[in-house]
Structures are given as C-alpha cells and as structure tokens.
Amino acid sequence: MINKVLVANRGEIAVRVLRTCKELGQETVAVFSEADREAPHVRYADEAYCIGPPPAQKSYLQGDRIIQAALEAGVQAIHPGYGFLAEAPGFAQACNDAGLIFVGPRPETMELLGDKVAARRLARRLRLPILPGTDRTLDDGEIMAAAERINYPVLLKAALGGGGIGIRTAYSRAELEAAIPLARREAEATFRDGTLYLEQLIENARHIEVQLLADVHGHVIHLGERECSIQRRHQKLIEEAPSRALDLALRRRILRAAIRIARAVGYVGAGTVEFLLDPEGKFYFLEVNPRLQVEHTVTEAVTGVDIVKEQLRIAAGRNLRYAQKEIQPRGWALECRILAEDPFRNFAACVGSISRLREPGGPGVRVDSGICEGLTITPYYDSLLAKLITWGETRAVAIVRMRRALEEYQILGVTTNLDLHRALLDSHRFFGGQFHTQFLDEQFVPLQAEEEDYLAAALTTALLDWRRRSGARARVEVGVNRWKMLGRWQLMGGGER
C-alpha cells in the first residue's frame, strides 16, 4: 500500500501529481527550494520540506536531500514528475536502497533507454526502422567522417537527456565542425556526459509518439498516439491527440512497434516511444522516454485514463485496470504550453512578478498550472508556467475551444508566449493539419522591434496588430474568421475525426 507520497518536483507537474494523490486518499509531501517557498505546489501539499538554495543543482537535483526528506516524512513512495531526477537511474536505485518506491521504470531499464545510442541498437535488433546514423560513441574526427557517409543535413544529438538540449543541425561540414564543441559542452553541463551521436535530418517531418502503460505482471497496453510537430529548437509547443497524419494501417504499425520495444526490455510504468514520420509516410524510431511526458494531458483527454493514477497503481504492484480493447479514444485534444518567453526577442526567457492571473474555463477546457497571482517567476528553472488543454468531439471543435480559451487567458507582470499561440491557432495551415517540425521557423520570423513597437505588441492580443504597427515579419496567418474557415457544419459536429 502507498499511503503517503513525496513529489520530487515543482511547478505545474507537482500540482498535477499532488491532485491525483489527494483523489486516491494519499497524504502528500512537497519539496521546494528557497525561491519556491510561496509556490502553489508547496501550499497544496499536506507537508513541505525546503531542500536548498534556488539553483536546481543545489536543490531539486540533490537526490540525497530529497530521500532524507522522504524518510523524515515517513512516505512510502517518491514520484519524480518529469525533468530533474525523473530519468536518473542512480536516484531511482537510491530510492530502492532506502526502502522507498520510485514511481517509474526500474533503474536498469532507465539506464538502457536513457542512452539514445543504446536504444538505437535495441531498435535495430528488433528490426524497427531507424534513421541512418551512428550507434556507438564517437570522437570528433569520427563524427565528421560519419557525417560524410550519412550525407548532410544531419542532426548532432546528445546521447543522454532530452528537452532539445544538446541538439544541433548541420547542413555542411563547416557547420558540423562548429556545432560539435557547442553540443558537447551543453550536454556535459546539463547531463554530465558529453557523448554525442549523429542522425540524418529528415526535413518537413512530423513528430509522433505513443503513450504506453505496463505493469509488473507483464501486461503492456498503448493509449494511442500524440503529435508534437509544432516545435521550436526541438522543444514542443503544441501537442494534439490523435494525429491527422496517420491512416488506420500506419497507426497500427506504429502502435505495434512501440509495444514491441516495451516488451523487449520488460518495461514497467508509464513511458513514451517517439517516432519521426517523413513526408512519404515512412516512420522511424527516435527514442524512448521512460517517464511521464509533459503532454500526457491530451492522451488523458481522449482516453479518459488518469495516467498518474495508473503510475501509482503500477508502483504499488497492482494489475493494469484496462485491457487493450477497452482503450477507445474519443474526440480530439490540444495542448498549448504557456511559457515565460518573449517570441519578439528571440524567445528570451522572462522574469517578473505575476500581477494579474485570469485562467480560462468552460466546456472542454483544462488548465494545469503552477502559478498564482503574486508569484515571482525567477530565472532558475524551466520557463513552463502552465499547460492549456482543450477537448472537442472533432478537431475543429477542439481548435475553436482553444482559441476561445486563449482569448480568455490573462497573465500580467511577466511576458508570455500567449500571443504566439493565438496566432498559430489562427493559421489556415495549422487548421488544415499542414505542418511539420519546421513549421514554426517558416511561419514566424520575429525581428527585433523598436521599443515603442514592442510596447504595442505587449498590449495587443493578435500578431496582426503587432505586424501592422511595427512592419516586422511575422508570417503566421492571423485575423482569420473562424466561421468562414471552419463552416457551421464542422463546428456543429460534422467533419473528420
């Protein structure tokens, strides 16, 4: 039995996990840095322990302090959320050694799948399609030689970690030569491992991922796919479930491939298998994320499955509550990541105190938030403030609800990317599903604005207004009449799934 849980994280994911624990009747414990003393997750938990100064390296990445707090609080389990220590096999093993349940995969599974080069070798053994690339550790000279064999353009990637960190694109030998030291330093600073590998870059590809659940008794199921193609610098901004890019036959092949990987490693817990889909409809294995994903919310919206609740049940040794045939996705869901970033200043991270917060609501709207009025946004952590999720019977309805919710959303005191989301959701190409992983770079090219133009942009709710006043390029289509674009028939329930 798990009667008390410590959540080893912060922000919106900490609040989200704490809420499910409350529903299960479990006592909750939060940890916080000195910068997060007044944060919502601290207030929400039954108990809270300070684990160090603001920098994550001195607080949220201090596994020994988190375990000490867990033992003092008398918890049975630690839920890591995502990021920080969620994919650290050493921390998972330390939890087990201390007699605590780590809510996640086994340490040895995390170690195998956390190494993307090893995961590529596994996929090759299973005869799954993988991108041309390298399957072993290379020095700088070997990387340059491998790129000539693979052919440019290539992606230089860190073997460990995620979140778009340690990834560089190279279209020529000179670009790759310049990128190697940058990617290696970034990987060493973030993951304490500078190992790099290469993959061929597929342009105009789509990013598809499959959500899995697996218990200790050998049962493995999928919860369908998500599409995460709207990205910036390999970091996701908008996700949806299901994907318009897949027909029935292709969907079945991708789902079966994900299940095969999970069974091959004896996977336990919630996890995600990621694939790339090229313009010709061929898919390739990318990696496995052995943790809860930021975008798990859209899968919950279309399946009705509380993935965090299933994580906790699996960690307690219980059987999955669902057979595969019981998973019947319904409708469509979108998620927009609300970030403290300024799209008009090269997406620079922003800080400040939230002076006003008005969150949207109504039918089909969900907000997973880690902020409140009066909270100070600091430079110490990831810029994610909240996630806005909408569901509809069709994709058209989900989009219209997202637009309405974005119009209602107000965050004052810190600059956010709300205007960017409003513009993207008004794009004809987005509505038509005609996008790929380079869509944002092609559709939105912000230039440095004059101060008076920047102030005008901060006051407007549409990028069209900003573009008209400043003359800067922002090629996202905005100001679209939603009724003309969708038609009453689609809004009232017609159209594709």
Protein backbone atom coordinates (compact mmCIF):
# COMPACT_ATOMS: atom_id res chain seq x y z
CA MET A 1 0.00 0.00 0.00
CA ILE A 2 1.09 3.53 -0.78
CA ASN A 3 -0.44 5.84 1.80
CA LYS A 4 1.92 8.79 1.56
CA VAL A 5 3.77 10.20 -1.48
CA LEU A 6 6.55 12.77 -1.87
CA VAL A 7 6.58 14.65 -5.17
CA ALA A 8 10.18 15.43 -6.13
CA ASN A 9 9.38 18.29 -8.47
CA ARG A 10 7.90 21.77 -8.73
CA GLY A 11 5.53 23.85 -10.84
CA GLU A 12 2.51 22.56 -12.71
CA ILE A 13 3.57 18.89 -12.75
CA ALA A 14 3.96 18.85 -8.96
CA VAL A 15 0.44 20.25 -8.52
CA ARG A 16 -0.93 17.80 -11.06
CA VAL A 17 0.57 14.75 -9.27
CA LEU A 18 -0.48 16.05 -5.85
CA ARG A 19 -4.09 16.33 -7.02
CA THR A 20 -4.24 12.70 -8.11
CA CYS A 21 -2.67 11.63 -4.80
CA LYS A 22 -5.42 13.54 -2.97
CA GLU A 23 -8.07 11.74 -5.04
CA LEU A 24 -6.54 8.42 -4.02
CA GLY A 25 -6.66 9.39 -0.36
CA GLN A 26 -2.89 9.54 -0.07
CA GLU A 27 -1.10 12.06 2.14
CA THR A 28 1.22 14.33 0.21
CA VAL A 29 4.65 15.87 0.74
CA ALA A 30 6.22 18.63 -1.37
CA VAL A 31 9.83 19.71 -1.60
CA PHE A 32 10.88 23.23 -2.51
CA SER A 33 13.87 25.48 -2.99
CA GLU A 34 14.15 28.80 -1.20
CA ALA A 35 12.88 30.52 -4.36
CA ASP A 36 9.69 28.41 -4.36
CA ARG A 37 8.65 28.93 -0.75
CA GLU A 38 5.32 30.54 -1.79
CA ALA A 39 4.70 28.39 -4.87
CA PRO A 40 1.29 26.70 -5.36
CA HIS A 41 2.65 23.16 -5.05
CA VAL A 42 4.03 23.98 -1.60
CA ARG A 43 0.68 25.32 -0.42
CA TYR A 44 -1.25 22.41 -1.89
CA ALA A 45 0.68 19.60 -0.19
CA ASP A 46 -0.03 18.37 3.34
CA GLU A 47 3.65 18.84 4.26
CA ALA A 48 6.59 20.60 2.63
CA TYR A 49 10.36 20.48 3.11
CA CYS A 50 12.95 23.01 1.98
CA ILE A 51 15.80 21.23 0.21
CA GLY A 52 18.19 24.05 -0.63
CA PRO A 53 19.02 27.31 -2.42
CA PRO A 54 17.30 28.36 -5.68
CA PRO A 55 19.64 26.77 -8.28
CA ALA A 56 18.34 23.34 -9.25
CA GLN A 57 21.81 21.83 -8.83
CA LYS A 58 21.62 22.77 -5.15
CA SER A 59 18.00 21.74 -4.54
CA TYR A 60 15.82 19.78 -6.96
CA LEU A 61 18.78 17.79 -8.28
CA GLN A 62 20.00 16.90 -4.77
CA GLY A 63 18.71 13.35 -4.59
CA ASP A 64 20.15 12.63 -1.16
CA ARG A 65 18.29 15.61 0.38
CA ILE A 66 15.04 14.54 -1.26
CA ILE A 67 15.41 11.00 0.07
CA GLN A 68 16.24 12.35 3.53
CA ALA A 69 13.05 14.45 3.45
CA ALA A 70 11.07 11.41 2.33
CA LEU A 71 12.37 9.33 5.23
CA GLU A 72 11.68 12.12 7.73
CA ALA A 73 8.14 12.48 6.40
CA GLY A 74 7.51 8.73 6.51
CA VAL A 75 6.41 8.35 2.89
CA GLN A 76 6.29 5.07 1.03
CA ALA A 77 6.86 6.42 -2.49
CA ILE A 78 8.55 9.23 -4.43
CA HIS A 79 7.03 10.50 -7.67
CA PRO A 80 9.64 12.36 -9.75
CA GLY A 81 7.29 14.06 -12.26
CA TYR A 82 9.33 14.87 -15.37
CA GLY A 83 12.68 16.61 -15.71
CA PHE A 84 15.12 16.95 -12.81
CA LEU A 85 15.61 13.39 -11.46
CA ALA A 86 12.83 11.66 -13.38
CA GLU A 87 15.27 9.87 -15.70
CA ALA A 88 18.16 9.40 -13.25
CA PRO A 89 18.72 5.66 -12.70
CA GLY A 90 21.09 6.42 -9.81
CA PHE A 91 18.35 8.29 -7.97
CA ALA A 92 15.83 5.51 -8.64
CA GLN A 93 18.28 2.94 -7.25
CA ALA A 94 18.98 5.12 -4.21
CA CYS A 95 15.23 5.28 -3.51
CA ASN A 96 15.01 1.50 -3.69
CA ASP A 97 18.06 1.11 -1.43
CA ALA A 98 16.39 3.40 1.13
CA GLY A 99 13.27 1.22 1.16
CA LEU A 100 11.23 3.72 -0.89
CA ILE A 101 9.19 3.08 -4.03
CA PHE A 102 10.33 5.04 -7.06
CA VAL A 103 7.27 5.75 -9.20
CA GLY A 104 8.79 4.95 -12.56
CA PRO A 105 10.62 2.25 -14.51
CA ARG A 106 13.28 0.02 -13.00
CA PRO A 107 16.74 1.62 -12.74
CA GLU A 108 18.27 -0.81 -15.23
CA THR A 109 15.53 -0.05 -17.76
CA MET A 110 16.06 3.68 -17.34
CA GLU A 111 19.79 3.24 -17.84
CA LEU A 112 19.29 1.30 -21.07
CA LEU A 113 16.65 3.56 -22.59
CA GLY A 114 18.18 6.80 -21.31
CA ASP A 115 21.16 6.17 -23.58
CA LYS A 116 19.79 7.00 -27.03
CA VAL A 117 22.66 5.24 -28.78
CA ALA A 118 21.88 2.02 -26.89
CA ALA A 119 18.18 2.50 -27.68
CA ARG A 120 19.04 2.74 -31.40
CA ARG A 121 20.93 -0.55 -31.15
CA LEU A 122 17.90 -2.12 -29.46
CA ALA A 123 15.58 -0.89 -32.21
CA ARG A 124 17.95 -2.26 -34.85
CA ARG A 125 17.93 -5.70 -33.15
CA LEU A 126 14.12 -5.61 -33.19
CA ARG A 127 14.26 -4.76 -36.91
CA LEU A 128 12.41 -1.50 -36.42
CA PRO A 129 13.06 1.28 -38.93
CA ILE A 130 15.67 3.76 -37.67
CA LEU A 131 17.21 6.81 -39.28
CA PRO A 132 20.67 6.50 -40.84
CA GLY A 133 23.10 7.43 -38.09
CA THR A 134 25.67 6.18 -35.61
CA ASP A 135 25.19 3.50 -32.95
CA ARG A 136 28.34 3.94 -30.86
CA THR A 137 30.38 6.59 -29.06
CA LEU A 138 32.45 8.70 -31.46
CA ASP A 139 35.23 11.23 -31.09
CA ASP A 140 35.16 14.47 -33.07
CA GLY A 141 37.02 13.07 -36.07
CA GLU A 142 34.79 10.01 -36.28
CA ILE A 143 31.69 12.24 -36.14
CA MET A 144 32.97 14.27 -39.11
CA ALA A 145 33.71 11.09 -41.08
CA ALA A 146 30.31 9.59 -40.24
CA ALA A 147 28.52 12.72 -41.47
CA GLU A 148 30.11 12.26 -44.90
CA ARG A 149 28.74 8.72 -45.06
CA ILE A 150 25.27 9.69 -43.82
CA ASN A 151 25.06 12.79 -46.07
CA TYR A 152 24.08 16.28 -44.99
CA PRO A 153 21.96 17.69 -43.45
CA VAL A 154 22.49 15.89 -40.13
CA LEU A 155 21.39 16.22 -36.53
CA LEU A 156 24.08 16.16 -33.86
CA LYS A 157 22.48 14.90 -30.64
CA ALA A 158 23.44 14.27 -27.01
CA ALA A 159 23.27 10.58 -26.13
CA LEU A 160 21.64 11.33 -22.77
CA GLY A 161 18.84 13.64 -21.68
CA GLY A 162 16.10 15.37 -23.63
CA GLY A 163 14.16 18.61 -23.96
CA GLY A 164 16.00 19.61 -27.11
CA ILE A 165 19.24 20.13 -25.14
CA GLY A 166 22.49 19.20 -26.86
CA ILE A 167 20.95 19.09 -30.36
CA ARG A 168 22.44 20.95 -33.32
CA THR A 169 21.55 20.95 -37.02
CA ALA A 170 24.33 20.96 -39.61
CA TYR A 171 23.88 21.45 -43.36
CA SER A 172 27.58 21.37 -44.16
CA ARG A 173 30.96 20.19 -42.88
CA ALA A 174 31.79 23.68 -41.61
CA GLU A 175 28.52 23.90 -39.64
CA LEU A 176 29.08 20.47 -38.09
CA GLU A 177 32.66 21.32 -37.14
CA ALA A 178 31.42 24.45 -35.33
CA ALA A 179 28.50 22.62 -33.70
CA ILE A 180 30.41 19.74 -32.11
CA PRO A 181 32.10 21.69 -29.25
CA LEU A 182 28.88 23.62 -28.53
CA ALA A 183 26.73 20.48 -28.32
CA ARG A 184 29.35 18.64 -26.26
CA ARG A 185 29.67 21.47 -23.73
CA GLU A 186 25.89 21.79 -23.43
CA ALA A 187 25.48 18.04 -22.89
CA GLU A 188 28.26 17.93 -20.30
CA ALA A 189 26.82 20.91 -18.40
CA THR A 190 23.27 19.53 -18.37
CA PHE A 191 23.66 15.75 -18.30
CA ARG A 192 27.26 15.44 -17.05
CA ASP A 193 28.01 13.39 -20.16
CA GLY A 194 29.26 14.85 -23.44
CA THR A 195 28.63 11.76 -25.57
CA LEU A 196 27.23 12.68 -28.99
CA TYR A 197 25.82 10.77 -31.95
CA LEU A 198 24.52 11.58 -35.42
CA GLU A 199 21.23 11.08 -37.22
CA GLN A 200 20.25 12.07 -40.71
CA LEU A 201 17.98 15.12 -40.68
CA ILE A 202 14.60 14.48 -42.30
CA GLU A 203 13.19 17.82 -43.36
CA ASN A 204 9.45 18.54 -43.20
CA ALA A 205 8.96 15.52 -40.94
CA ARG A 206 6.26 15.04 -38.30
CA HIS A 207 6.87 14.02 -34.70
CA ILE A 208 4.65 11.17 -33.49
CA GLU A 209 4.76 9.50 -30.09
CA VAL A 210 2.94 6.60 -28.44
CA GLN A 211 1.89 6.53 -24.79
CA LEU A 212 2.42 3.17 -23.04
CA LEU A 213 1.43 1.65 -19.71
CA ALA A 214 2.97 -1.57 -18.40
CA ASP A 215 2.62 -3.35 -15.05
CA VAL A 216 4.91 -5.69 -13.11
CA HIS A 217 2.84 -8.68 -14.26
CA GLY A 218 3.82 -8.33 -17.91
CA HIS A 219 0.73 -6.53 -19.20
CA VAL A 220 1.52 -3.80 -21.75
CA ILE A 221 -1.00 -1.53 -23.46
CA HIS A 222 -0.88 1.62 -25.55
CA LEU A 223 -3.11 4.68 -25.14
CA GLY A 224 -2.84 5.77 -28.76
CA GLU A 225 -0.60 8.36 -30.33
CA ARG A 226 0.08 12.07 -29.99
CA GLU A 227 1.51 14.51 -32.50
CA CYS A 228 4.12 17.03 -31.32
CA SER A 229 5.27 18.63 -34.58
CA ILE A 230 4.84 22.28 -33.56
CA GLN A 231 8.28 22.83 -32.06
CA ARG A 232 10.92 25.47 -31.52
CA ARG A 233 14.55 24.39 -31.29
CA HIS A 234 13.37 20.79 -30.88
CA GLN A 235 11.19 21.76 -27.91
CA LYS A 236 7.46 21.12 -28.22
CA LEU A 237 4.95 23.98 -28.07
CA ILE A 238 1.62 22.49 -29.20
CA GLU A 239 0.59 18.84 -28.97
CA GLU A 240 -2.53 17.02 -30.03
CA ALA A 241 -4.13 13.60 -29.93
CA PRO A 242 -4.75 11.79 -32.17
CA SER A 243 -2.66 12.73 -35.25
CA ARG A 244 -4.18 13.64 -38.61
CA ALA A 245 -1.02 12.38 -40.31
CA LEU A 246 -1.81 8.69 -39.69
CA ASP A 247 -4.23 6.48 -41.54
CA LEU A 248 -5.51 3.30 -39.90
CA ALA A 249 -2.83 0.99 -41.31
CA LEU A 250 0.08 3.29 -40.46
CA ARG A 251 -1.31 3.89 -36.97
CA ARG A 252 -1.44 0.15 -36.30
CA ARG A 253 2.18 -0.34 -37.42
CA ILE A 254 3.47 2.47 -35.20
CA LEU A 255 1.48 1.31 -32.16
CA ARG A 256 2.71 -2.26 -32.59
CA ALA A 257 6.31 -1.07 -32.90
CA ALA A 258 6.01 0.80 -29.60
CA ILE A 259 4.60 -2.26 -27.84
CA ARG A 260 7.44 -4.42 -29.18
CA ILE A 261 10.07 -2.13 -27.68
CA ALA A 262 8.36 -2.12 -24.28
CA ARG A 263 8.08 -5.91 -24.21
CA ALA A 264 11.71 -6.35 -25.29
CA VAL A 265 13.02 -4.51 -22.22
CA GLY A 266 10.41 -5.69 -19.71
CA TYR A 267 9.16 -2.15 -19.29
CA VAL A 268 7.20 -1.23 -16.15
CA GLY A 269 5.33 2.05 -15.64
CA ALA A 270 4.28 4.87 -17.96
CA GLY A 271 6.53 5.62 -20.91
CA THR A 272 6.56 7.12 -24.37
CA VAL A 273 8.08 5.84 -27.60
CA GLU A 274 8.87 8.60 -30.11
CA PHE A 275 8.92 8.30 -33.89
CA LEU A 276 9.60 10.54 -36.87
CA LEU A 277 7.29 10.43 -39.90
CA ASP A 278 8.78 11.56 -43.20
CA PRO A 279 6.80 13.30 -45.98
CA GLU A 280 6.44 9.96 -47.83
CA GLY A 281 4.71 8.35 -44.85
CA LYS A 282 7.65 6.23 -43.62
CA PHE A 283 8.20 6.19 -39.87
CA TYR A 284 11.46 5.85 -37.94
CA PHE A 285 12.19 5.08 -34.29
CA LEU A 286 13.71 8.02 -32.38
CA GLU A 287 13.88 7.25 -28.65
CA VAL A 288 12.04 6.10 -25.55
CA ASN A 289 11.23 8.49 -22.71
CA PRO A 290 11.00 6.35 -19.53
CA ARG A 291 8.85 8.83 -17.59
CA LEU A 292 5.69 10.89 -17.62
CA GLN A 293 5.60 13.34 -20.54
CA VAL A 294 4.58 17.00 -20.36
CA GLU A 295 1.91 16.32 -22.98
CA HIS A 296 0.31 13.33 -21.25
CA THR A 297 -2.77 15.53 -20.75
CA VAL A 298 -4.04 15.23 -24.33
CA THR A 299 -3.95 11.44 -24.08
CA GLU A 300 -5.90 11.63 -20.83
CA ALA A 301 -8.47 13.87 -22.52
CA VAL A 302 -9.21 11.47 -25.38
CA THR A 303 -8.98 8.19 -23.43
CA GLY A 304 -10.34 9.14 -20.01
CA VAL A 305 -7.36 7.41 -18.36
CA ASP A 306 -5.62 9.19 -15.46
CA ILE A 307 -2.03 8.29 -16.32
CA VAL A 308 -0.62 9.47 -12.97
CA LYS A 309 -3.16 7.33 -11.12
CA GLU A 310 -2.06 4.34 -13.20
CA GLN A 311 1.59 5.11 -12.42
CA LEU A 312 0.84 4.96 -8.70
CA ARG A 313 -1.18 1.74 -9.05
CA ILE A 314 1.62 0.10 -11.05
CA ALA A 315 4.21 1.24 -8.49
CA ALA A 316 2.15 -0.47 -5.79
CA GLY A 317 2.35 -3.75 -7.74
CA ARG A 318 -1.24 -3.81 -8.95
CA ASN A 319 -2.52 -5.00 -12.32
CA LEU A 320 -3.42 -2.58 -15.06
CA ARG A 321 -7.08 -1.66 -14.80
CA TYR A 322 -7.52 -1.68 -18.58
CA ALA A 323 -7.25 -4.27 -21.31
CA GLN A 324 -6.18 -3.01 -24.73
CA LYS A 325 -9.67 -3.46 -26.19
CA GLU A 326 -11.08 -1.13 -23.52
CA ILE A 327 -8.96 1.80 -24.74
CA GLN A 328 -11.23 3.58 -27.22
CA PRO A 329 -10.05 7.16 -27.84
CA ARG A 330 -12.87 9.63 -28.33
CA GLY A 331 -12.76 13.10 -29.83
CA TRP A 332 -9.71 15.33 -30.16
CA ALA A 333 -7.49 17.22 -27.71
CA LEU A 334 -4.92 20.01 -28.00
CA GLU A 335 -2.34 21.33 -25.54
CA CYS A 336 -0.56 24.70 -25.63
CA ARG A 337 2.48 25.15 -23.42
CA ILE A 338 2.31 28.57 -21.76
CA LEU A 339 5.89 29.77 -21.34
CA ALA A 340 7.54 32.80 -19.76
CA GLU A 341 9.28 33.59 -23.04
CA ASP A 342 9.22 36.57 -25.42
CA PRO A 343 8.75 35.48 -29.06
CA PHE A 344 9.64 39.02 -30.21
CA ARG A 345 13.05 38.90 -28.53
CA ASN A 346 14.28 35.58 -29.88
CA PHE A 347 12.22 33.67 -27.31
CA ALA A 348 14.27 35.00 -24.42
CA ALA A 349 13.25 33.68 -21.00
CA CYS A 350 11.40 36.31 -18.95
CA VAL A 351 11.15 37.01 -15.24
CA GLY A 352 8.83 39.13 -13.14
CA SER A 353 6.01 39.04 -10.61
CA ILE A 354 2.56 37.94 -11.74
CA SER A 355 0.31 40.90 -11.00
CA ARG A 356 -2.85 39.52 -12.58
CA LEU A 357 -3.92 36.00 -13.50
CA ARG A 358 -7.20 35.02 -15.13
CA GLU A 359 -7.40 31.43 -16.29
CA PRO A 360 -9.95 30.24 -18.88
CA GLY A 361 -12.71 27.74 -18.20
CA GLY A 362 -15.89 26.38 -19.69
CA PRO A 363 -16.73 23.17 -21.57
CA GLY A 364 -13.79 21.10 -22.68
CA VAL A 365 -11.12 23.32 -21.10
CA ARG A 366 -8.43 22.20 -18.63
CA VAL A 367 -5.60 24.25 -17.15
CA ASP A 368 -2.64 22.57 -15.44
CA SER A 369 -0.92 25.48 -13.73
CA GLY A 370 1.99 26.05 -11.40
CA ILE A 371 1.48 29.79 -10.91
CA CYS A 372 -0.70 32.20 -8.93
CA GLU A 373 -1.07 35.95 -8.53
CA GLY A 374 1.86 37.45 -6.65
CA LEU A 375 4.24 34.63 -7.58
CA THR A 376 7.70 35.72 -8.72
CA ILE A 377 8.99 33.99 -11.85
CA THR A 378 12.73 33.51 -11.40
CA PRO A 379 15.50 32.64 -13.90
CA TYR A 380 16.45 29.43 -12.12
CA TYR A 381 14.08 26.94 -13.75
CA ASP A 382 12.34 25.94 -16.96
CA SER A 383 10.09 28.64 -18.44
CA LEU A 384 6.93 26.48 -18.42
CA LEU A 385 4.21 28.25 -16.41
CA ALA A 386 1.11 26.25 -17.30
CA LYS A 387 -0.50 23.99 -19.87
CA LEU A 388 -3.79 24.81 -21.56
CA ILE A 389 -5.74 21.79 -22.80
CA THR A 390 -8.97 21.67 -24.79
CA TRP A 391 -11.10 18.74 -25.91
CA GLY A 392 -13.79 18.57 -28.57
CA GLU A 393 -15.85 15.97 -30.38
CA THR A 394 -13.85 16.87 -33.51
CA ARG A 395 -10.53 18.58 -34.16
CA ALA A 396 -12.40 21.67 -35.37
CA VAL A 397 -14.26 21.99 -32.08
CA ALA A 398 -11.07 21.47 -30.07
CA ILE A 399 -9.36 24.25 -32.06
CA VAL A 400 -12.23 26.71 -31.59
CA ARG A 401 -12.30 25.98 -27.87
CA MET A 402 -8.56 26.54 -27.70
CA ARG A 403 -8.92 29.89 -29.45
CA ARG A 404 -11.65 30.94 -27.07
CA ALA A 405 -9.60 29.79 -24.06
CA LEU A 406 -6.51 31.67 -25.30
CA GLU A 407 -8.57 34.84 -25.66
CA GLU A 408 -9.76 34.47 -22.05
CA TYR A 409 -6.27 33.76 -20.65
CA GLN A 410 -4.61 36.75 -18.94
CA ILE A 411 -1.15 36.76 -17.37
CA LEU A 412 0.20 40.19 -16.50
CA GLY A 413 3.53 41.10 -14.92
CA VAL A 414 5.63 38.68 -16.95
CA THR A 415 5.88 38.30 -20.72
CA THR A 416 4.50 35.02 -22.11
CA ASN A 417 4.00 33.32 -25.47
CA LEU A 418 0.19 33.61 -25.35
CA ASP A 419 0.12 35.90 -28.42
CA LEU A 420 2.18 33.41 -30.38
CA HIS A 421 -0.29 30.62 -29.58
CA ARG A 422 -3.21 32.85 -30.58
CA ALA A 423 -1.56 33.50 -33.93
CA LEU A 424 -0.66 29.86 -34.56
CA LEU A 425 -4.21 28.70 -33.79
CA ASP A 426 -5.48 31.20 -36.40
CA SER A 427 -3.27 29.75 -39.13
CA HIS A 428 -5.02 28.09 -42.09
CA ARG A 429 -2.16 25.62 -42.33
CA PHE A 430 -2.45 24.61 -38.69
CA PHE A 431 -6.19 24.08 -39.01
CA GLY A 432 -5.66 22.02 -42.15
CA GLY A 433 -3.04 19.85 -40.46
CA GLN A 434 -0.43 21.01 -42.99
CA PHE A 435 2.54 21.42 -40.68
CA HIS A 436 5.77 19.72 -39.68
CA THR A 437 8.63 20.14 -37.21
CA GLN A 438 10.00 23.20 -39.07
CA PHE A 439 6.58 24.87 -39.36
CA LEU A 440 7.20 27.48 -36.67
CA ASP A 441 10.53 28.58 -38.15
CA GLU A 442 8.90 29.00 -41.56
CA GLN A 443 5.73 30.74 -40.37
CA PHE A 444 7.01 33.02 -37.63
CA VAL A 445 10.21 35.01 -38.14
CA PRO A 446 10.32 37.70 -35.43
CA LEU A 447 12.66 40.64 -35.80
CA GLN A 448 13.98 42.91 -33.08
CA ALA A 449 11.30 45.61 -32.66
CA GLU A 450 11.79 49.21 -31.64
CA GLU A 451 10.83 49.86 -28.04
CA GLU A 452 7.57 51.64 -28.90
CA ASP A 453 6.60 48.82 -31.25
CA TYR A 454 7.44 46.24 -28.60
CA LEU A 455 5.17 48.02 -26.11
CA ALA A 456 2.38 48.00 -28.69
CA ALA A 457 2.89 44.26 -29.17
CA ALA A 458 2.63 43.66 -25.45
CA LEU A 459 -0.76 45.38 -25.38
CA THR A 460 -2.32 43.66 -28.36
CA THR A 461 -3.88 40.22 -28.42
CA ALA A 462 -3.12 39.39 -32.05
CA LEU A 463 0.10 39.27 -34.00
CA LEU A 464 -1.59 41.02 -36.94
CA ASP A 465 -1.85 44.20 -34.89
CA TRP A 466 1.83 43.97 -33.96
CA ARG A 467 2.80 43.35 -37.58
CA ARG A 468 0.80 46.32 -38.86
CA ARG A 469 2.37 48.76 -36.36
CA SER A 470 5.97 47.55 -36.49
CA GLY A 471 6.40 46.35 -40.05
CA ALA A 472 8.35 43.34 -38.73
CA ARG A 473 7.93 39.97 -40.38
CA ALA A 474 5.57 37.63 -38.59
CA ARG A 475 4.29 35.39 -41.33
CA VAL A 476 1.76 33.49 -39.26
CA GLU A 477 -1.69 33.99 -40.76
CA VAL A 478 -3.84 35.84 -38.28
CA GLY A 479 -7.17 37.62 -38.16
CA VAL A 480 -8.93 34.63 -39.74
CA ASN A 481 -12.69 34.49 -39.40
CA ARG A 482 -13.23 31.15 -37.67
CA TRP A 483 -16.75 30.75 -39.09
CA LYS A 484 -15.58 31.17 -42.68
CA MET A 485 -12.64 28.83 -42.14
CA LEU A 486 -14.49 26.05 -40.35
CA GLY A 487 -18.04 26.40 -41.54
CA ARG A 488 -21.09 25.92 -39.35
CA TRP A 489 -21.32 22.27 -40.34
CA GLN A 490 -17.91 21.40 -38.86
CA LEU A 491 -18.48 23.46 -35.72
CA MET A 492 -21.80 21.76 -35.09
CA GLY A 493 -20.23 18.30 -35.14
CA GLY A 494 -19.58 17.37 -38.77
CA GLY A 495 -16.23 16.72 -40.44
CA GLU A 496 -13.38 14.36 -39.80
CA ARG A 497 -12.40 12.81 -36.50
